[in-house]
Amino acid sequence: GRLASRAPSPGLRLAALAQLARCSPDGLPGDVVPVVSGLLREMRSPPEASAPEGDEPVDPDAEQVDPEPVAAAETCRGEQVATPTLVGQLRSLSAQENAGRGAPWAADLLRTLHVGLDDRVGDRTALLADQLRSPDRRQRIDAVRMSGGLIRAWRGPYEELVALVGAQLSDPEPRLAEAASHVLEELFGLAAPAADALAARLADRPGDWVKSWPSGPPGLGSTVKALARLGDARALPALAAALEQPQVAHDLGFAVGR
């Protein structure tokens, strides 16, 4: 607990909180969400001072230290995450922060923290909402995927979270937009707050309405399926276009059945 509040760098404090969540989740502070959000903002900020002149350059031929092994942790609802050891986290975070780079363990630390929060749905939702507003696309991709796991595992008021996932559909990073569309596809009626974002992406990308594969029949794009599963009429042009294909998409019947 002391390291989580007194460590000299935000990365080390986040690592300590993640370890606390892993070993003694009841010991997490009540204000863990604003604390973690603040730490993430600090970690995204550029370092205030560069290394003093005269420091020896890093030898590219020097022996590299292997990262610490990663263990697996699982929540009571089956959400599995990687949990790097505390020693490995501290070594990696310290080295990265000293070099002025983002911490590579940040995503794993956040997953571990979510495991510890478990059924604290309000805290997890607030933390994911903050992650989905991050300027760091990698953090948002991870938050999109964790949002899907949370929504499928626990009941809760997810309207804002789903809308934030939907907002990722307009991002130019294809991996982020694809991750968001796949998560929304699996939410069925719960994806309603993202309906307008889905419709906008559908209209903007007609080439993604039907996906072709090297082998096997074509399939509907995830955006089409997500909107069709909502019973939204804006999916009809895409469904009609799929019917006109030489080979019918294998999942078209399920979508039309909605």
Protein backbone atom coordinates (compact mmCIF):
# COMPACT_ATOMS: atom_id res chain seq x y z
CA GLY A 1 0.00 0.00 0.00
CA ARG A 2 2.83 2.43 0.78
CA LEU A 3 4.45 1.91 -2.62
CA ALA A 4 1.13 2.61 -4.32
CA SER A 5 0.97 6.05 -2.71
CA ARG A 6 4.62 7.01 -2.24
CA ALA A 7 6.51 5.65 -5.23
CA PRO A 8 8.43 8.41 -7.04
CA SER A 9 6.98 7.73 -10.50
CA PRO A 10 3.40 7.19 -11.74
CA GLY A 11 4.37 3.95 -13.46
CA LEU A 12 5.66 2.43 -10.25
CA ARG A 13 2.55 3.54 -8.36
CA LEU A 14 0.33 1.97 -11.02
CA ALA A 15 2.33 -1.26 -10.82
CA ALA A 16 1.92 -1.29 -7.05
CA LEU A 17 -1.83 -0.76 -7.34
CA ALA A 18 -2.07 -3.59 -9.86
CA GLN A 19 -0.16 -5.89 -7.54
CA LEU A 20 -2.43 -4.89 -4.66
CA ALA A 21 -5.45 -5.68 -6.84
CA ARG A 22 -3.96 -9.06 -7.64
CA CYS A 23 -3.05 -10.08 -4.08
CA SER A 24 -5.41 -8.14 -1.82
CA PRO A 25 -8.22 -6.48 -3.80
CA ASP A 26 -10.07 -5.50 -0.64
CA GLY A 27 -7.15 -3.20 0.12
CA LEU A 28 -7.70 -1.07 -2.97
CA PRO A 29 -8.57 2.53 -2.08
CA GLY A 30 -12.12 3.73 -2.56
CA ASP A 31 -10.92 6.44 -4.94
CA VAL A 32 -8.98 4.01 -7.12
CA VAL A 33 -10.54 5.27 -10.38
CA PRO A 34 -9.49 8.94 -10.10
CA VAL A 35 -6.11 7.82 -8.76
CA VAL A 36 -5.46 5.49 -11.70
CA SER A 37 -6.80 8.03 -14.19
CA GLY A 38 -4.41 10.61 -12.81
CA LEU A 39 -1.49 8.18 -13.01
CA LEU A 40 -2.28 7.38 -16.63
CA ARG A 41 -2.34 11.08 -17.48
CA GLU A 42 1.02 11.53 -15.77
CA MET A 43 2.47 8.60 -17.70
CA ARG A 44 1.31 10.13 -20.98
CA SER A 45 2.95 13.46 -20.17
CA PRO A 46 6.46 14.11 -21.53
CA PRO A 47 9.27 13.94 -18.97
CA GLU A 48 10.03 17.28 -17.33
CA ALA A 49 13.78 16.95 -17.66
CA SER A 50 16.08 14.99 -19.90
CA ALA A 51 18.99 12.91 -18.68
CA PRO A 52 22.04 14.93 -17.59
CA GLU A 53 24.74 15.47 -20.15
CA GLY A 54 27.61 13.07 -19.94
CA ASP A 55 25.51 9.96 -19.31
CA GLU A 56 26.96 6.95 -20.99
CA PRO A 57 25.06 5.87 -24.12
CA VAL A 58 23.32 2.54 -24.10
CA ASP A 59 25.43 -0.20 -25.65
CA PRO A 60 23.31 -1.87 -28.36
CA ASP A 61 25.41 -5.03 -28.03
CA ALA A 62 24.94 -5.27 -24.29
CA GLU A 63 23.15 -8.31 -22.95
CA GLN A 64 19.44 -7.68 -22.61
CA VAL A 65 17.57 -8.68 -19.49
CA ASP A 66 14.68 -10.97 -20.25
CA PRO A 67 11.30 -9.75 -19.02
CA GLU A 68 9.83 -11.37 -15.98
CA PRO A 69 7.50 -14.31 -16.61
CA VAL A 70 3.83 -13.55 -16.93
CA ALA A 71 1.27 -15.45 -14.91
CA ALA A 72 -2.41 -15.82 -15.70
CA ALA A 73 -5.17 -14.51 -13.47
CA GLU A 74 -8.86 -15.13 -13.84
CA THR A 75 -11.92 -13.42 -12.44
CA CYS A 76 -14.83 -15.34 -11.00
CA ARG A 77 -16.70 -14.72 -14.29
CA GLY A 78 -13.95 -16.16 -16.47
CA GLU A 79 -12.29 -12.95 -17.66
CA GLN A 80 -8.65 -13.99 -18.06
CA VAL A 81 -5.75 -11.58 -18.13
CA ALA A 82 -1.96 -11.66 -18.04
CA THR A 83 -0.40 -10.68 -14.73
CA PRO A 84 3.30 -9.82 -14.87
CA THR A 85 5.22 -10.13 -11.62
CA LEU A 86 5.78 -7.00 -9.55
CA VAL A 87 9.57 -7.19 -9.92
CA GLY A 88 9.26 -7.38 -13.70
CA GLN A 89 6.77 -4.53 -13.75
CA LEU A 90 8.98 -2.29 -11.67
CA ARG A 91 12.08 -3.00 -13.74
CA SER A 92 10.32 -2.42 -17.04
CA LEU A 93 8.39 0.67 -15.97
CA SER A 94 11.42 2.27 -14.38
CA ALA A 95 13.55 1.71 -17.48
CA GLN A 96 10.86 3.00 -19.82
CA GLU A 97 10.11 6.10 -17.78
CA ASN A 98 13.78 6.96 -17.44
CA ALA A 99 14.01 6.78 -21.23
CA GLY A 100 10.95 9.03 -21.61
CA ARG A 101 8.83 6.37 -23.28
CA GLY A 102 5.40 4.97 -22.51
CA ALA A 103 5.30 1.94 -20.22
CA PRO A 104 4.90 -1.32 -22.15
CA TRP A 105 3.27 -3.03 -19.16
CA ALA A 106 0.51 -0.44 -18.83
CA ALA A 107 -2.10 -2.57 -20.61
CA ASP A 108 -1.28 -5.64 -18.52
CA LEU A 109 -1.35 -3.56 -15.35
CA LEU A 110 -4.80 -2.24 -16.19
CA ARG A 111 -6.08 -5.74 -16.94
CA THR A 112 -4.75 -6.92 -13.60
CA LEU A 113 -6.44 -4.00 -11.90
CA HIS A 114 -9.75 -4.92 -13.53
CA VAL A 115 -9.38 -8.47 -12.22
CA GLY A 116 -8.99 -7.10 -8.70
CA LEU A 117 -11.98 -4.78 -9.07
CA ASP A 118 -14.05 -7.77 -10.25
CA ASP A 119 -17.70 -7.03 -9.37
CA ARG A 120 -17.12 -3.33 -8.66
CA VAL A 121 -18.92 -2.58 -11.92
CA GLY A 122 -19.22 1.15 -11.32
CA ASP A 123 -15.49 1.55 -10.77
CA ARG A 124 -14.60 -0.63 -13.73
CA THR A 125 -17.03 1.23 -15.99
CA ALA A 126 -15.63 4.61 -14.95
CA LEU A 127 -12.06 3.42 -15.47
CA LEU A 128 -12.84 2.03 -18.93
CA ALA A 129 -14.66 5.23 -19.88
CA ASP A 130 -11.54 7.19 -18.96
CA GLN A 131 -9.37 4.80 -20.98
CA LEU A 132 -11.67 5.16 -24.00
CA ARG A 133 -11.12 8.93 -23.90
CA SER A 134 -7.34 8.53 -23.87
CA PRO A 135 -5.30 9.98 -26.75
CA ASP A 136 -3.34 6.70 -26.71
CA ARG A 137 -4.93 4.46 -29.35
CA ARG A 138 -3.33 1.32 -27.92
CA GLN A 139 -4.95 2.03 -24.59
CA ARG A 140 -8.30 2.56 -26.30
CA ILE A 141 -8.04 -0.72 -28.24
CA ASP A 142 -7.44 -2.54 -24.98
CA ALA A 143 -10.30 -0.67 -23.30
CA VAL A 144 -12.69 -1.58 -26.14
CA ARG A 145 -11.94 -5.27 -25.69
CA MET A 146 -12.18 -5.12 -21.90
CA SER A 147 -15.47 -3.24 -22.20
CA GLY A 148 -16.93 -6.12 -24.17
CA GLY A 149 -15.83 -8.59 -21.51
CA LEU A 150 -17.27 -6.49 -18.70
CA ILE A 151 -20.63 -5.89 -20.38
CA ARG A 152 -21.08 -9.57 -21.21
CA ALA A 153 -20.12 -10.70 -17.70
CA TRP A 154 -21.91 -8.25 -15.39
CA ARG A 155 -25.18 -6.36 -15.47
CA GLY A 156 -24.93 -2.62 -15.20
CA PRO A 157 -25.76 0.77 -16.72
CA TYR A 158 -23.51 0.72 -19.78
CA GLU A 159 -25.08 3.35 -22.03
CA GLU A 160 -22.16 5.79 -21.77
CA LEU A 161 -19.57 3.04 -22.11
CA VAL A 162 -21.25 1.61 -25.23
CA ALA A 163 -21.49 5.09 -26.76
CA LEU A 164 -17.76 5.58 -26.15
CA VAL A 165 -17.02 2.24 -27.81
CA GLY A 166 -19.15 3.40 -30.74
CA ALA A 167 -17.15 6.62 -30.96
CA GLN A 168 -14.08 4.54 -31.84
CA LEU A 169 -15.73 3.50 -35.12
CA SER A 170 -14.78 6.83 -36.69
CA ASP A 171 -11.12 6.58 -35.74
CA PRO A 172 -8.74 6.32 -38.71
CA GLU A 173 -6.80 3.52 -36.99
CA PRO A 174 -8.34 0.38 -38.57
CA ARG A 175 -7.50 -1.92 -35.66
CA LEU A 176 -9.35 0.33 -33.23
CA ALA A 177 -12.43 0.70 -35.42
CA GLU A 178 -12.51 -3.04 -36.16
CA ALA A 179 -12.20 -3.92 -32.48
CA ALA A 180 -15.11 -1.60 -31.70
CA SER A 181 -17.34 -3.04 -34.42
CA HIS A 182 -16.65 -6.62 -33.32
CA VAL A 183 -17.47 -5.81 -29.69
CA LEU A 184 -20.70 -4.06 -30.67
CA GLU A 185 -21.68 -6.99 -32.87
CA GLU A 186 -21.63 -9.26 -29.81
CA LEU A 187 -23.74 -6.93 -27.66
CA PHE A 188 -26.99 -7.28 -29.65
CA GLY A 189 -29.60 -4.94 -28.11
CA LEU A 190 -27.12 -3.47 -25.65
CA ALA A 191 -25.35 -1.82 -28.60
CA ALA A 192 -28.26 0.62 -29.07
CA PRO A 193 -26.37 3.70 -27.75
CA ALA A 194 -23.89 3.19 -30.61
CA ALA A 195 -26.54 2.84 -33.34
CA ASP A 196 -25.85 6.22 -34.96
CA ALA A 197 -22.10 5.59 -34.98
CA LEU A 198 -22.68 2.16 -36.54
CA ALA A 199 -24.96 3.65 -39.21
CA ALA A 200 -22.40 6.35 -40.03
CA ARG A 201 -19.63 3.79 -40.46
CA LEU A 202 -21.92 1.59 -42.55
CA ALA A 203 -22.74 4.45 -44.92
CA ASP A 204 -19.10 5.50 -45.12
CA ARG A 205 -17.67 2.06 -45.91
CA PRO A 206 -19.89 0.12 -48.36
CA GLY A 207 -16.89 -1.99 -49.31
CA ASP A 208 -17.03 -3.58 -45.86
CA TRP A 209 -20.65 -4.69 -46.08
CA VAL A 210 -19.69 -8.17 -47.25
CA LYS A 211 -16.37 -9.80 -46.38
CA SER A 212 -14.77 -12.29 -48.77
CA TRP A 213 -12.31 -14.93 -47.62
CA PRO A 214 -9.70 -17.03 -49.44
CA SER A 215 -11.80 -20.11 -48.72
CA GLY A 216 -15.41 -20.61 -47.74
CA PRO A 217 -18.47 -18.44 -48.35
CA PRO A 218 -18.46 -14.68 -47.76
CA GLY A 219 -19.83 -13.19 -44.56
CA LEU A 220 -21.44 -9.96 -43.47
CA GLY A 221 -19.20 -7.29 -42.00
CA SER A 222 -19.40 -6.84 -38.24
CA THR A 223 -20.89 -3.35 -38.59
CA VAL A 224 -23.74 -4.71 -40.71
CA LYS A 225 -24.44 -7.47 -38.22
CA ALA A 226 -24.31 -5.13 -35.23
CA LEU A 227 -26.83 -2.75 -36.79
CA ALA A 228 -29.06 -5.56 -38.07
CA ARG A 229 -29.12 -7.17 -34.62
CA LEU A 230 -30.56 -3.91 -33.33
CA GLY A 231 -33.38 -4.19 -35.86
CA ASP A 232 -32.25 -0.84 -37.28
CA ALA A 233 -33.66 -0.10 -40.74
CA ARG A 234 -30.42 1.61 -41.72
CA ALA A 235 -28.92 -1.86 -42.15
CA LEU A 236 -31.34 -2.67 -45.01
CA PRO A 237 -29.24 -1.28 -47.92
CA ALA A 238 -26.30 -3.43 -46.84
CA LEU A 239 -28.50 -6.50 -46.46
CA ALA A 240 -30.07 -5.89 -49.88
CA ALA A 241 -26.62 -5.55 -51.43
CA ALA A 242 -25.57 -8.82 -49.81
CA LEU A 243 -28.55 -10.56 -51.43
CA GLU A 244 -27.35 -9.43 -54.85
CA GLN A 245 -23.92 -11.03 -54.46
CA PRO A 246 -23.09 -14.06 -56.65
CA GLN A 247 -22.57 -16.06 -53.47
CA VAL A 248 -24.83 -15.31 -50.52
CA ALA A 249 -23.14 -14.49 -47.22
CA HIS A 250 -23.37 -17.49 -44.91
CA ASP A 251 -24.76 -15.42 -42.02
CA LEU A 252 -27.24 -13.35 -44.01
CA GLY A 253 -30.22 -15.42 -42.90
CA PHE A 254 -29.50 -14.80 -39.23
CA ALA A 255 -29.25 -11.05 -39.85
CA VAL A 256 -32.44 -10.88 -41.90
CA GLY A 257 -34.24 -12.90 -39.24
CA ARG A 258 -33.85 -10.00 -36.84
